[in-house]
């Protein structure tokens, strides 16, 4: 397993899967302006300026064709409730705080904060998504997911594999 954990390494891997990224600092803020307008070309160019940025960001939504289900409660039960309601996905990311992001193919969703008041979930059909290397123990496997997103499943699984190789805390569900 390669130990590279810098923006320059991550950017090339994400770009290979048509995901435009930008560098993020240790304070969780993008290191560049107008990051929401970055395409693959700008992402590649900026990687040369910030090769050692400690984290990576990308925009959820139509640009990268990814929508994130942001489960804002710790534990697997809230994640299970979310998946029961919205469907299974091949990629689930455990955040540094023990919460979860479920990745889906973007289908026109908007950024919706708490669409159901009683459930601590956000739908990120747009906006900034940050990925940092995990400081916690390696992820555990989720074996219960059987169905995959019908389109982009291969793309999402490939990104999850790359993130695991880079030391990020991603779960590929199979």
Foldseek 3Di string as FASTA:
>chain_A
DDQDQALLVLLVLLVVLQFQKAAAAPVRHTPDPPLQPDGNVVSNVVCVVGVHRQKMKGKAADNRQKKKKWQPDADCVLVVVVCVVVHAAQKWFQDLVRTIIGIAGQDPDDWAQCPPVVGRITIRNTDMDMWGAHPDDADDEDAPHDDHHPPCRVSRQSSQVVCVVNRTRMYGYD
